[in-house]
Amino acid sequence: MVLLGDIRVQAFRCFEDLTVEGLGRLNVIVGANNSGKSALLDAVHVLTTKGHPGCLWDLLRARGQLFTDAVGEELGDVSELFWGRPNLRLLESGGPIIRLSSTRESVTMKAIGTAPVGLEVQTTGKDFVLTLVAGKGVSRAQIQAAEEEAGPAPLSVVHVRSQLTPPLVLQRGWAPLAGNPGEETVAEALRCIDPSIERSIYAPNTPQPLGYEGWYLRRVGSQLREPFSRQGEGLKRALALSIAMANAEGGTLLVDEVENGLHYTVIPEIWRFLIRASRKLNLQVFMTSHSRDLIDGFGRAQELEGTVLDDVVFFRLERGNPHATRISHRVAASLGESGQDLR
């Protein structure tokens, strides 16, 4: 995999024009609330999936940007993707055009026509047009038709949200890992939280299990299965992160608020796992955080590794600043040691 080296985001979500330069293998996005951390992950998601229609629907659904029309059909509000959330009926007269670009990928989105308005998506992959309902909404049926034209979305781009990952999503992610090396990736992550864990097991008792039914842990030296439903949020977060990493092999992993559910004492080991796994799986990782614990834990992880973790780069976003501030691994570690705050 060739890592992205830079990204430019124009007229997308909260960004009028943003440039991020000097990306690394692990990129940590920090900044105040509403500075655009999650929006930057969305931009990377669209860019790395080449504007795949299914990706657009997933972004709108994850943000709660769906609405219901007069006949009860669920629609995605694509105006939410544009900077300033404009009236798309007026965009053909010269409104904002979304442009996402890197040295090797580009995606452009713009409104076209008048009756009806359409959303034209031009990419380095396959171009397509979505007809909009009520000047802004796209139906799931339209998305599915566009997906058939575009082909399947890249499996090597995985987005982990800040909320606890639904068990059904974990089940789909586990299926290609069962009996493969990906299982050890998951076990390694769980051992960051509890070193006594040997492995995780997924053995559903029903065709469509609910919650964490069917998920178990097995500890070193024991044949007993412990139900995963009894475990805390830290192990559930580690399970979600590791399944996502294994599924994104050779591609891109996006994680919103990576530290959620994790106690500060395990953060250094989580860092070491993320770095080892991203190298082994040839991943580029983008993750957001507003936790001082994550930054302090990075310095401690360097001490434990006994080497410079130059895979990691921090970027700070500030509203109104068209350039993300790049903070190297060395500066990040020294700021943490001195008690200064880079967030």
C-alpha atoms as a PDB file:
ATOM      1  CA  MET A   1       0.000   0.000   0.000  1.00  0.00           C
ATOM      2  CA  VAL A   2       1.191   3.527  -0.841  1.00  0.00           C
ATOM      3  CA  LEU A   3       0.418   5.833   2.087  1.00  0.00           C
ATOM      4  CA  LEU A   4      -1.359   9.135   1.550  1.00  0.00           C
ATOM      5  CA  GLY A   5       1.173  11.945   1.955  1.00  0.00           C
ATOM      6  CA  ASP A   6      -1.183  14.897   1.894  1.00  0.00           C
ATOM      7  CA  ILE A   7      -4.875  15.765   1.623  1.00  0.00           C
ATOM      8  CA  ARG A   8      -6.747  18.847   0.474  1.00  0.00           C
ATOM      9  CA  VAL A   9     -10.395  19.266   1.506  1.00  0.00           C
ATOM     10  CA  GLN A  10     -12.500  21.943  -0.215  1.00  0.00           C
ATOM     11  CA  ALA A  11     -16.149  22.863   0.484  1.00  0.00           C
ATOM     12  CA  PHE A  12     -16.765  19.666   2.453  1.00  0.00           C
ATOM     13  CA  ARG A  13     -18.691  19.662   5.739  1.00  0.00           C
ATOM     14  CA  CYS A  14     -17.168  22.379   7.983  1.00  0.00           C
ATOM     15  CA  PHE A  15     -14.132  22.975   5.762  1.00  0.00           C
ATOM     16  CA  GLU A  16     -14.082  25.755   3.217  1.00  0.00           C
ATOM     17  CA  ASP A  17     -10.498  24.831   2.328  1.00  0.00           C
ATOM     18  CA  LEU A  18      -8.123  22.717   4.430  1.00  0.00           C
ATOM     19  CA  THR A  19      -4.693  21.295   3.617  1.00  0.00           C
ATOM     20  CA  VAL A  20      -3.052  18.503   5.625  1.00  0.00           C
ATOM     21  CA  GLU A  21       0.574  17.824   4.687  1.00  0.00           C
ATOM     22  CA  GLY A  22       3.201  15.353   5.896  1.00  0.00           C
ATOM     23  CA  LEU A  23       0.945  12.423   6.791  1.00  0.00           C
ATOM     24  CA  GLY A  24       2.451   9.337   8.423  1.00  0.00           C
ATOM     25  CA  ARG A  25       1.391   5.758   9.015  1.00  0.00           C
ATOM     26  CA  LEU A  26      -0.512   6.674  12.213  1.00  0.00           C
ATOM     27  CA  ASN A  27      -2.098  10.112  12.163  1.00  0.00           C
ATOM     28  CA  VAL A  28      -3.712  11.547  15.292  1.00  0.00           C
ATOM     29  CA  ILE A  29      -6.114  14.450  14.758  1.00  0.00           C
ATOM     30  CA  VAL A  30      -6.564  16.734  17.778  1.00  0.00           C
ATOM     31  CA  GLY A  31      -8.346  20.031  18.280  1.00  0.00           C
ATOM     32  CA  ALA A  32     -11.161  21.748  20.168  1.00  0.00           C
ATOM     33  CA  ASN A  33     -14.791  20.687  19.880  1.00  0.00           C
ATOM     34  CA  ASN A  34     -16.266  21.497  16.450  1.00  0.00           C
ATOM     35  CA  SER A  35     -12.828  22.013  14.900  1.00  0.00           C
ATOM     36  CA  GLY A  36     -13.589  19.354  12.281  1.00  0.00           C
ATOM     37  CA  LYS A  37     -11.839  16.219  13.566  1.00  0.00           C
ATOM     38  CA  SER A  38     -14.644  13.826  12.626  1.00  0.00           C
ATOM     39  CA  ALA A  39     -15.297  15.735   9.391  1.00  0.00           C
ATOM     40  CA  LEU A  40     -11.678  15.143   8.362  1.00  0.00           C
ATOM     41  CA  LEU A  41     -12.144  11.405   8.914  1.00  0.00           C
ATOM     42  CA  ASP A  42     -15.254  11.594   6.702  1.00  0.00           C
ATOM     43  CA  ALA A  43     -13.227  13.341   3.997  1.00  0.00           C
ATOM     44  CA  VAL A  44     -10.531  10.643   4.121  1.00  0.00           C
ATOM     45  CA  HIS A  45     -13.277   7.999   3.982  1.00  0.00           C
ATOM     46  CA  VAL A  46     -14.795   9.488   0.818  1.00  0.00           C
ATOM     47  CA  LEU A  47     -11.374   9.939  -0.787  1.00  0.00           C
ATOM     48  CA  THR A  48     -10.043   6.453  -0.043  1.00  0.00           C
ATOM     49  CA  THR A  49     -13.287   4.781  -1.197  1.00  0.00           C
ATOM     50  CA  LYS A  50     -13.174   6.870  -4.404  1.00  0.00           C
ATOM     51  CA  GLY A  51     -16.515   8.470  -3.566  1.00  0.00           C
ATOM     52  CA  HIS A  52     -18.316   5.123  -3.485  1.00  0.00           C
ATOM     53  CA  PRO A  53     -22.106   5.674  -3.205  1.00  0.00           C
ATOM     54  CA  GLY A  54     -22.432   3.263  -0.299  1.00  0.00           C
ATOM     55  CA  CYS A  55     -19.823   5.287   1.583  1.00  0.00           C
ATOM     56  CA  LEU A  56     -21.874   8.474   1.132  1.00  0.00           C
ATOM     57  CA  TRP A  57     -24.970   6.776   2.566  1.00  0.00           C
ATOM     58  CA  ASP A  58     -22.987   5.399   5.510  1.00  0.00           C
ATOM     59  CA  LEU A  59     -21.615   8.866   6.352  1.00  0.00           C
ATOM     60  CA  LEU A  60     -25.078  10.439   6.357  1.00  0.00           C
ATOM     61  CA  ARG A  61     -26.608   7.616   8.382  1.00  0.00           C
ATOM     62  CA  ALA A  62     -23.806   7.654  10.959  1.00  0.00           C
ATOM     63  CA  ARG A  63     -24.304  11.395  11.526  1.00  0.00           C
ATOM     64  CA  GLY A  64     -28.101  11.111  11.768  1.00  0.00           C
ATOM     65  CA  GLN A  65     -28.493  13.107   8.536  1.00  0.00           C
ATOM     66  CA  LEU A  66     -31.441  11.158   7.163  1.00  0.00           C
ATOM     67  CA  PHE A  67     -34.995  12.444   6.823  1.00  0.00           C
ATOM     68  CA  THR A  68     -38.382  11.056   5.782  1.00  0.00           C
ATOM     69  CA  ASP A  69     -40.355  12.438   2.839  1.00  0.00           C
ATOM     70  CA  ALA A  70     -44.122  12.847   2.530  1.00  0.00           C
ATOM     71  CA  VAL A  71     -44.675   9.180   1.605  1.00  0.00           C
ATOM     72  CA  GLY A  72     -42.480   7.862   4.406  1.00  0.00           C
ATOM     73  CA  GLU A  73     -39.366   7.034   2.389  1.00  0.00           C
ATOM     74  CA  GLU A  74     -36.039   7.482   4.192  1.00  0.00           C
ATOM     75  CA  LEU A  75     -33.681   9.834   2.370  1.00  0.00           C
ATOM     76  CA  GLY A  76     -30.101  10.971   2.933  1.00  0.00           C
ATOM     77  CA  ASP A  77     -29.623  14.739   3.068  1.00  0.00           C
ATOM     78  CA  VAL A  78     -26.623  15.258   0.788  1.00  0.00           C
ATOM     79  CA  SER A  79     -26.677  19.025   1.391  1.00  0.00           C
ATOM     80  CA  GLU A  80     -25.063  18.144   4.757  1.00  0.00           C
ATOM     81  CA  LEU A  81     -21.907  17.163   2.881  1.00  0.00           C
ATOM     82  CA  PHE A  82     -21.415  20.670   1.461  1.00  0.00           C
ATOM     83  CA  TRP A  83     -19.684  23.495   3.281  1.00  0.00           C
ATOM     84  CA  GLY A  84     -22.315  25.907   4.551  1.00  0.00           C
ATOM     85  CA  ARG A  85     -25.126  23.386   3.944  1.00  0.00           C
ATOM     86  CA  PRO A  86     -26.478  25.288   0.914  1.00  0.00           C
ATOM     87  CA  ASN A  87     -29.766  24.957  -0.958  1.00  0.00           C
ATOM     88  CA  LEU A  88     -28.727  22.513  -3.678  1.00  0.00           C
ATOM     89  CA  ARG A  89     -31.381  23.855  -6.048  1.00  0.00           C
ATOM     90  CA  LEU A  90     -29.251  26.992  -6.354  1.00  0.00           C
ATOM     91  CA  LEU A  91     -25.846  25.390  -6.742  1.00  0.00           C
ATOM     92  CA  GLU A  92     -25.951  25.132 -10.529  1.00  0.00           C
ATOM     93  CA  SER A  93     -25.612  28.950 -10.542  1.00  0.00           C
ATOM     94  CA  GLY A  94     -22.136  28.726  -9.019  1.00  0.00           C
ATOM     95  CA  GLY A  95     -22.351  27.356  -5.477  1.00  0.00           C
ATOM     96  CA  PRO A  96     -19.616  25.392  -3.688  1.00  0.00           C
ATOM     97  CA  ILE A  97     -18.148  22.293  -5.329  1.00  0.00           C
ATOM     98  CA  ILE A  98     -16.701  19.616  -3.075  1.00  0.00           C
ATOM     99  CA  ARG A  99     -13.141  18.705  -4.017  1.00  0.00           C
ATOM    100  CA  LEU A 100     -11.169  16.104  -2.095  1.00  0.00           C
ATOM    101  CA  SER A 101      -7.697  15.348  -3.374  1.00  0.00           C
ATOM    102  CA  SER A 102      -4.313  13.800  -2.675  1.00  0.00           C
ATOM    103  CA  THR A 103      -1.352  13.071  -4.904  1.00  0.00           C
ATOM    104  CA  ARG A 104      -3.015   9.885  -6.185  1.00  0.00           C
ATOM    105  CA  GLU A 105      -6.779  10.217  -5.618  1.00  0.00           C
ATOM    106  CA  SER A 106      -9.459  12.830  -6.244  1.00  0.00           C
ATOM    107  CA  VAL A 107     -13.222  13.123  -5.738  1.00  0.00           C
ATOM    108  CA  THR A 108     -15.435  15.985  -6.927  1.00  0.00           C
ATOM    109  CA  MET A 109     -19.118  16.427  -5.993  1.00  0.00           C
ATOM    110  CA  LYS A 110     -21.418  19.080  -7.387  1.00  0.00           C
ATOM    111  CA  ALA A 111     -25.096  19.766  -8.013  1.00  0.00           C
ATOM    112  CA  ILE A 112     -26.251  19.700 -11.636  1.00  0.00           C
ATOM    113  CA  GLY A 113     -29.519  20.483 -13.427  1.00  0.00           C
ATOM    114  CA  THR A 114     -32.640  22.223 -12.204  1.00  0.00           C
ATOM    115  CA  ALA A 115     -35.663  19.934 -12.482  1.00  0.00           C
ATOM    116  CA  PRO A 116     -34.747  17.660 -10.882  1.00  0.00           C
ATOM    117  CA  VAL A 117     -31.450  18.544  -9.243  1.00  0.00           C
ATOM    118  CA  GLY A 118     -28.793  15.848  -9.372  1.00  0.00           C
ATOM    119  CA  LEU A 119     -25.572  15.188  -7.481  1.00  0.00           C
ATOM    120  CA  GLU A 120     -22.704  14.405  -9.829  1.00  0.00           C
ATOM    121  CA  VAL A 121     -19.756  12.520  -8.346  1.00  0.00           C
ATOM    122  CA  GLN A 122     -16.519  12.418 -10.356  1.00  0.00           C
ATOM    123  CA  THR A 123     -13.685  10.225  -9.104  1.00  0.00           C
ATOM    124  CA  THR A 124     -10.539   8.405 -10.111  1.00  0.00           C
ATOM    125  CA  GLY A 125     -12.827   5.355 -10.088  1.00  0.00           C
ATOM    126  CA  LYS A 126     -16.278   5.382 -11.730  1.00  0.00           C
ATOM    127  CA  ASP A 127     -18.390   8.562 -12.078  1.00  0.00           C
ATOM    128  CA  PHE A 128     -22.104   8.552 -11.253  1.00  0.00           C
ATOM    129  CA  VAL A 129     -25.103  10.889 -10.825  1.00  0.00           C
ATOM    130  CA  LEU A 130     -27.759  10.697  -8.095  1.00  0.00           C
ATOM    131  CA  THR A 131     -31.148  12.341  -8.704  1.00  0.00           C
ATOM    132  CA  LEU A 132     -32.204  14.266  -5.612  1.00  0.00           C
ATOM    133  CA  VAL A 133     -35.679  14.238  -4.058  1.00  0.00           C
ATOM    134  CA  ALA A 134     -36.918  17.601  -2.755  1.00  0.00           C
ATOM    135  CA  GLY A 135     -33.681  19.124  -4.017  1.00  0.00           C
ATOM    136  CA  LYS A 136     -31.476  17.458  -1.429  1.00  0.00           C
ATOM    137  CA  GLY A 137     -32.436  13.870  -0.627  1.00  0.00           C
ATOM    138  CA  VAL A 138     -31.133  10.613  -2.055  1.00  0.00           C
ATOM    139  CA  SER A 139     -32.981   7.349  -1.474  1.00  0.00           C
ATOM    140  CA  ARG A 140     -31.477   4.048  -0.442  1.00  0.00           C
ATOM    141  CA  ALA A 141     -32.802   2.545  -3.692  1.00  0.00           C
ATOM    142  CA  GLN A 142     -30.820   5.109  -5.720  1.00  0.00           C
ATOM    143  CA  ILE A 143     -27.713   4.375  -3.696  1.00  0.00           C
ATOM    144  CA  GLN A 144     -28.105   0.648  -4.312  1.00  0.00           C
ATOM    145  CA  ALA A 145     -28.535   1.208  -8.055  1.00  0.00           C
ATOM    146  CA  ALA A 146     -25.394   3.367  -8.109  1.00  0.00           C
ATOM    147  CA  GLU A 147     -23.539   0.687  -6.106  1.00  0.00           C
ATOM    148  CA  GLU A 148     -24.402  -1.900  -8.759  1.00  0.00           C
ATOM    149  CA  GLU A 149     -22.899   0.403 -11.381  1.00  0.00           C
ATOM    150  CA  ALA A 150     -19.813   1.238  -9.306  1.00  0.00           C
ATOM    151  CA  GLY A 151     -19.171  -2.268  -8.020  1.00  0.00           C
ATOM    152  CA  PRO A 152     -18.378  -3.208  -4.408  1.00  0.00           C
ATOM    153  CA  ALA A 153     -16.863  -0.713  -1.994  1.00  0.00           C
ATOM    154  CA  PRO A 154     -13.208  -1.268  -1.065  1.00  0.00           C
ATOM    155  CA  LEU A 155     -13.106  -3.703   1.845  1.00  0.00           C
ATOM    156  CA  SER A 156      -9.787  -2.239   2.927  1.00  0.00           C
ATOM    157  CA  VAL A 157     -11.312   0.997   4.274  1.00  0.00           C
ATOM    158  CA  VAL A 158     -12.894   0.580   7.720  1.00  0.00           C
ATOM    159  CA  HIS A 159     -14.415   3.370   9.844  1.00  0.00           C
ATOM    160  CA  VAL A 160     -14.825   2.867  13.612  1.00  0.00           C
ATOM    161  CA  ARG A 161     -17.185   5.406  15.184  1.00  0.00           C
ATOM    162  CA  SER A 162     -16.922   6.930  18.653  1.00  0.00           C
ATOM    163  CA  GLN A 163     -19.943   4.974  19.893  1.00  0.00           C
ATOM    164  CA  LEU A 164     -19.649   1.342  20.966  1.00  0.00           C
ATOM    165  CA  THR A 165     -19.621  -0.765  17.794  1.00  0.00           C
ATOM    166  CA  PRO A 166     -22.906  -2.695  17.387  1.00  0.00           C
ATOM    167  CA  PRO A 167     -22.448  -6.458  17.841  1.00  0.00           C
ATOM    168  CA  LEU A 168     -23.952  -7.183  14.409  1.00  0.00           C
ATOM    169  CA  VAL A 169     -21.157  -5.124  12.833  1.00  0.00           C
ATOM    170  CA  LEU A 170     -18.594  -7.091  14.863  1.00  0.00           C
ATOM    171  CA  GLN A 171     -20.112 -10.362  13.650  1.00  0.00           C
ATOM    172  CA  ARG A 172     -19.752  -9.347  10.005  1.00  0.00           C
ATOM    173  CA  GLY A 173     -16.166  -8.257  10.650  1.00  0.00           C
ATOM    174  CA  TRP A 174     -15.275 -11.494  12.437  1.00  0.00           C
ATOM    175  CA  ALA A 175     -16.454 -13.812   9.648  1.00  0.00           C
ATOM    176  CA  PRO A 176     -13.374 -13.389   7.373  1.00  0.00           C
ATOM    177  CA  LEU A 177     -10.999 -13.626  10.355  1.00  0.00           C
ATOM    178  CA  ALA A 178     -12.181 -16.911  11.855  1.00  0.00           C
ATOM    179  CA  GLY A 179      -9.444 -19.520  11.612  1.00  0.00           C
ATOM    180  CA  ASN A 180      -7.032 -17.007  10.053  1.00  0.00           C
ATOM    181  CA  PRO A 181      -4.120 -14.894  11.391  1.00  0.00           C
ATOM    182  CA  GLY A 182      -6.595 -12.082  12.047  1.00  0.00           C
ATOM    183  CA  GLU A 183      -7.715 -13.994  15.138  1.00  0.00           C
ATOM    184  CA  GLU A 184      -4.322 -13.397  16.772  1.00  0.00           C
ATOM    185  CA  THR A 185      -4.564  -9.671  15.989  1.00  0.00           C
ATOM    186  CA  VAL A 186      -7.787  -9.602  18.007  1.00  0.00           C
ATOM    187  CA  ALA A 187      -6.280 -11.626  20.861  1.00  0.00           C
ATOM    188  CA  GLU A 188      -3.243  -9.323  20.997  1.00  0.00           C
ATOM    189  CA  ALA A 189      -5.485  -6.276  21.391  1.00  0.00           C
ATOM    190  CA  LEU A 190      -7.507  -7.902  24.174  1.00  0.00           C
ATOM    191  CA  ARG A 191      -4.310  -8.761  26.036  1.00  0.00           C
ATOM    192  CA  CYS A 192      -3.495  -5.022  26.163  1.00  0.00           C
ATOM    193  CA  ILE A 193      -6.462  -4.759  28.550  1.00  0.00           C
ATOM    194  CA  ASP A 194      -6.076  -8.109  30.326  1.00  0.00           C
ATOM    195  CA  PRO A 195      -2.846 -10.123  29.793  1.00  0.00           C
ATOM    196  CA  SER A 196      -4.512 -13.325  31.050  1.00  0.00           C
ATOM    197  CA  ILE A 197      -6.681 -13.584  27.908  1.00  0.00           C
ATOM    198  CA  GLU A 198      -5.630 -16.299  25.465  1.00  0.00           C
ATOM    199  CA  ARG A 199      -8.183 -15.739  22.703  1.00  0.00           C
ATOM    200  CA  SER A 200     -11.688 -14.663  21.798  1.00  0.00           C
ATOM    201  CA  ILE A 201     -14.299 -17.066  20.494  1.00  0.00           C
ATOM    202  CA  TYR A 202     -17.419 -16.415  18.446  1.00  0.00           C
ATOM    203  CA  ALA A 203     -19.828 -19.343  18.560  1.00  0.00           C
ATOM    204  CA  PRO A 204     -23.438 -18.135  18.216  1.00  0.00           C
ATOM    205  CA  ASN A 205     -26.168 -20.364  19.603  1.00  0.00           C
ATOM    206  CA  THR A 206     -28.820 -18.912  17.291  1.00  0.00           C
ATOM    207  CA  PRO A 207     -28.745 -17.889  13.603  1.00  0.00           C
ATOM    208  CA  GLN A 208     -29.165 -14.198  14.528  1.00  0.00           C
ATOM    209  CA  PRO A 209     -27.740 -13.635  18.015  1.00  0.00           C
ATOM    210  CA  LEU A 210     -28.564 -10.434  19.853  1.00  0.00           C
ATOM    211  CA  GLY A 211     -26.107  -8.269  21.760  1.00  0.00           C
ATOM    212  CA  TYR A 212     -22.867 -10.081  22.608  1.00  0.00           C
ATOM    213  CA  GLU A 213     -24.555 -13.482  22.618  1.00  0.00           C
ATOM    214  CA  GLY A 214     -22.133 -16.001  21.139  1.00  0.00           C
ATOM    215  CA  TRP A 215     -18.971 -14.024  22.030  1.00  0.00           C
ATOM    216  CA  TYR A 216     -16.652 -15.574  24.625  1.00  0.00           C
ATOM    217  CA  LEU A 217     -13.191 -15.194  26.129  1.00  0.00           C
ATOM    218  CA  ARG A 218     -10.819 -17.982  27.022  1.00  0.00           C
ATOM    219  CA  ARG A 219      -7.997 -17.360  29.483  1.00  0.00           C
ATOM    220  CA  VAL A 220      -4.533 -18.886  29.462  1.00  0.00           C
ATOM    221  CA  GLY A 221      -4.552 -22.315  31.119  1.00  0.00           C
ATOM    222  CA  SER A 222      -8.355 -22.580  31.195  1.00  0.00           C
ATOM    223  CA  GLN A 223     -10.888 -24.352  28.998  1.00  0.00           C
ATOM    224  CA  LEU A 224     -13.789 -22.314  30.368  1.00  0.00           C
ATOM    225  CA  ARG A 225     -15.582 -19.828  28.163  1.00  0.00           C
ATOM    226  CA  GLU A 226     -16.429 -16.479  29.724  1.00  0.00           C
ATOM    227  CA  PRO A 227     -19.360 -14.633  28.107  1.00  0.00           C
ATOM    228  CA  PHE A 228     -18.229 -11.375  26.552  1.00  0.00           C
ATOM    229  CA  SER A 229     -21.425  -9.708  27.716  1.00  0.00           C
ATOM    230  CA  ARG A 230     -19.953  -9.675  31.251  1.00  0.00           C
ATOM    231  CA  GLN A 231     -16.879  -7.709  30.198  1.00  0.00           C
ATOM    232  CA  GLY A 232     -16.364  -3.960  30.449  1.00  0.00           C
ATOM    233  CA  GLU A 233     -16.297  -1.298  27.739  1.00  0.00           C
ATOM    234  CA  GLY A 234     -12.495  -1.405  27.472  1.00  0.00           C
ATOM    235  CA  LEU A 235     -12.463  -4.984  26.182  1.00  0.00           C
ATOM    236  CA  LYS A 236     -15.406  -4.269  23.876  1.00  0.00           C
ATOM    237  CA  ARG A 237     -13.563  -1.254  22.428  1.00  0.00           C
ATOM    238  CA  ALA A 238     -10.392  -3.324  21.976  1.00  0.00           C
ATOM    239  CA  LEU A 239     -12.454  -6.027  20.243  1.00  0.00           C
ATOM    240  CA  ALA A 240     -13.916  -3.479  17.820  1.00  0.00           C
ATOM    241  CA  LEU A 241     -10.560  -1.818  17.078  1.00  0.00           C
ATOM    242  CA  SER A 242      -8.757  -5.096  16.428  1.00  0.00           C
ATOM    243  CA  ILE A 243     -11.488  -6.569  14.201  1.00  0.00           C
ATOM    244  CA  ALA A 244     -11.499  -3.334  12.207  1.00  0.00           C
ATOM    245  CA  MET A 245      -7.702  -3.362  11.847  1.00  0.00           C
ATOM    246  CA  ALA A 246      -7.622  -6.947  10.628  1.00  0.00           C
ATOM    247  CA  ASN A 247     -10.358  -6.218   8.064  1.00  0.00           C
ATOM    248  CA  ALA A 248      -8.554  -3.098   6.812  1.00  0.00           C
ATOM    249  CA  GLU A 249      -5.322  -4.960   6.000  1.00  0.00           C
ATOM    250  CA  GLY A 250      -3.448  -3.207   3.206  1.00  0.00           C
ATOM    251  CA  GLY A 251      -5.758  -0.200   3.372  1.00  0.00           C
ATOM    252  CA  THR A 252      -7.046   2.546   5.639  1.00  0.00           C
ATOM    253  CA  LEU A 253      -8.417   2.506   9.195  1.00  0.00           C
ATOM    254  CA  LEU A 254     -10.402   5.479  10.541  1.00  0.00           C
ATOM    255  CA  VAL A 255     -11.131   5.697  14.277  1.00  0.00           C
ATOM    256  CA  ASP A 256     -13.166   8.439  15.952  1.00  0.00           C
ATOM    257  CA  GLU A 257     -12.185   9.130  19.588  1.00  0.00           C
ATOM    258  CA  VAL A 258      -9.912   6.135  19.794  1.00  0.00           C
ATOM    259  CA  GLU A 259      -9.550   6.336  23.588  1.00  0.00           C
ATOM    260  CA  ASN A 260     -13.269   5.820  24.339  1.00  0.00           C
ATOM    261  CA  GLY A 261     -13.826   3.134  26.962  1.00  0.00           C
ATOM    262  CA  LEU A 262     -10.100   2.731  27.682  1.00  0.00           C
ATOM    263  CA  HIS A 263      -8.564   3.394  31.111  1.00  0.00           C
ATOM    264  CA  TYR A 264      -5.474   5.590  31.050  1.00  0.00           C
ATOM    265  CA  THR A 265      -3.292   2.790  32.438  1.00  0.00           C
ATOM    266  CA  VAL A 266      -3.747   0.639  29.294  1.00  0.00           C
ATOM    267  CA  ILE A 267      -3.190   3.458  26.777  1.00  0.00           C
ATOM    268  CA  PRO A 268       0.600   2.827  26.372  1.00  0.00           C
ATOM    269  CA  GLU A 269      -0.040  -0.843  25.528  1.00  0.00           C
ATOM    270  CA  ILE A 270      -2.818   0.136  23.118  1.00  0.00           C
ATOM    271  CA  TRP A 271      -0.345   2.481  21.402  1.00  0.00           C
ATOM    272  CA  ARG A 272       2.203  -0.329  21.075  1.00  0.00           C
ATOM    273  CA  PHE A 273      -0.469  -2.620  19.635  1.00  0.00           C
ATOM    274  CA  LEU A 274      -1.646  -0.003  17.118  1.00  0.00           C
ATOM    275  CA  ILE A 275       1.898   0.611  15.906  1.00  0.00           C
ATOM    276  CA  ARG A 276       2.823  -3.078  15.634  1.00  0.00           C
ATOM    277  CA  ALA A 277      -0.439  -4.033  13.937  1.00  0.00           C
ATOM    278  CA  SER A 278      -0.392  -1.131  11.474  1.00  0.00           C
ATOM    279  CA  ARG A 279       3.123  -2.087  10.381  1.00  0.00           C
ATOM    280  CA  LYS A 280       2.325  -5.790  10.154  1.00  0.00           C
ATOM    281  CA  LEU A 281      -0.946  -5.255   8.275  1.00  0.00           C
ATOM    282  CA  ASN A 282       0.445  -2.423   6.109  1.00  0.00           C
ATOM    283  CA  LEU A 283      -2.225   0.032   7.244  1.00  0.00           C
ATOM    284  CA  GLN A 284      -2.515   3.789   7.270  1.00  0.00           C
ATOM    285  CA  VAL A 285      -4.442   4.902  10.347  1.00  0.00           C
ATOM    286  CA  PHE A 286      -6.299   8.164  10.999  1.00  0.00           C
ATOM    287  CA  MET A 287      -7.720   8.647  14.484  1.00  0.00           C
ATOM    288  CA  THR A 288      -9.193  11.548  16.425  1.00  0.00           C
ATOM    289  CA  SER A 289      -8.776  12.322  20.100  1.00  0.00           C
ATOM    290  CA  HIS A 290      -9.331  15.044  22.669  1.00  0.00           C
ATOM    291  CA  SER A 291      -7.757  13.020  25.480  1.00  0.00           C
ATOM    292  CA  ARG A 292      -4.623  14.091  27.316  1.00  0.00           C
ATOM    293  CA  ASP A 293      -4.257  10.444  28.381  1.00  0.00           C
ATOM    294  CA  LEU A 294      -3.692   9.388  24.758  1.00  0.00           C
ATOM    295  CA  ILE A 295      -0.892  11.926  24.320  1.00  0.00           C
ATOM    296  CA  ASP A 296       0.763  11.097  27.643  1.00  0.00           C
ATOM    297  CA  GLY A 297       0.432   7.394  26.828  1.00  0.00           C
ATOM    298  CA  PHE A 298       2.312   7.917  23.575  1.00  0.00           C
ATOM    299  CA  GLY A 299       5.383   9.154  25.457  1.00  0.00           C
ATOM    300  CA  ARG A 300       5.205   6.166  27.790  1.00  0.00           C
ATOM    301  CA  ALA A 301       4.847   3.786  24.825  1.00  0.00           C
ATOM    302  CA  GLN A 302       8.085   5.163  23.373  1.00  0.00           C
ATOM    303  CA  GLU A 303       9.834   4.461  26.672  1.00  0.00           C
ATOM    304  CA  LEU A 304       8.543   0.883  26.737  1.00  0.00           C
ATOM    305  CA  GLU A 305       9.528   0.270  23.109  1.00  0.00           C
ATOM    306  CA  GLY A 306      12.988   1.723  23.712  1.00  0.00           C
ATOM    307  CA  THR A 307      12.946   3.295  20.273  1.00  0.00           C
ATOM    308  CA  VAL A 308      11.580   6.307  18.448  1.00  0.00           C
ATOM    309  CA  LEU A 309       8.045   5.724  17.170  1.00  0.00           C
ATOM    310  CA  ASP A 310       8.428   7.768  14.017  1.00  0.00           C
ATOM    311  CA  ASP A 311       5.351   6.186  12.407  1.00  0.00           C
ATOM    312  CA  VAL A 312       3.183   8.592  14.418  1.00  0.00           C
ATOM    313  CA  VAL A 313       2.288  12.177  13.500  1.00  0.00           C
ATOM    314  CA  PHE A 314      -0.093  14.509  15.320  1.00  0.00           C
ATOM    315  CA  PHE A 315      -2.154  17.215  13.594  1.00  0.00           C
ATOM    316  CA  ARG A 316      -4.028  20.014  15.346  1.00  0.00           C
ATOM    317  CA  LEU A 317      -7.082  21.549  13.689  1.00  0.00           C
ATOM    318  CA  GLU A 318      -8.162  25.105  14.455  1.00  0.00           C
ATOM    319  CA  ARG A 319     -11.308  26.709  13.084  1.00  0.00           C
ATOM    320  CA  GLY A 320     -10.432  29.280  10.446  1.00  0.00           C
ATOM    321  CA  ASN A 321      -6.901  27.933   9.893  1.00  0.00           C
ATOM    322  CA  PRO A 322      -6.620  26.531   6.333  1.00  0.00           C
ATOM    323  CA  HIS A 323      -3.618  24.398   7.293  1.00  0.00           C
ATOM    324  CA  ALA A 324      -3.549  21.612   9.869  1.00  0.00           C
ATOM    325  CA  THR A 325      -0.622  22.147  12.259  1.00  0.00           C
ATOM    326  CA  ARG A 326       1.749  19.173  12.013  1.00  0.00           C
ATOM    327  CA  ILE A 327       3.355  18.031  15.286  1.00  0.00           C
ATOM    328  CA  SER A 328       6.074  15.406  14.968  1.00  0.00           C
ATOM    329  CA  HIS A 329       6.387  12.369  17.232  1.00  0.00           C
ATOM    330  CA  ARG A 330       9.412  13.946  18.918  1.00  0.00           C
ATOM    331  CA  VAL A 331       7.631  17.211  19.715  1.00  0.00           C
ATOM    332  CA  ALA A 332       4.510  15.360  20.885  1.00  0.00           C
ATOM    333  CA  ALA A 333       6.517  13.198  23.266  1.00  0.00           C
ATOM    334  CA  SER A 334       8.473  16.158  24.664  1.00  0.00           C
ATOM    335  CA  LEU A 335       5.308  18.193  25.212  1.00  0.00           C
ATOM    336  CA  GLY A 336       3.777  15.309  27.116  1.00  0.00           C
ATOM    337  CA  GLU A 337       6.870  14.927  29.298  1.00  0.00           C
ATOM    338  CA  SER A 338       6.911  18.647  30.138  1.00  0.00           C
ATOM    339  CA  GLY A 339       3.200  18.746  30.966  1.00  0.00           C
ATOM    340  CA  GLN A 340       2.337  21.014  28.028  1.00  0.00           C
ATOM    341  CA  ASP A 341      -0.862  20.384  26.098  1.00  0.00           C
ATOM    342  CA  LEU A 342      -0.786  20.012  22.305  1.00  0.00           C
ATOM    343  CA  ARG A 343      -4.554  19.655  21.997  1.00  0.00           C
END
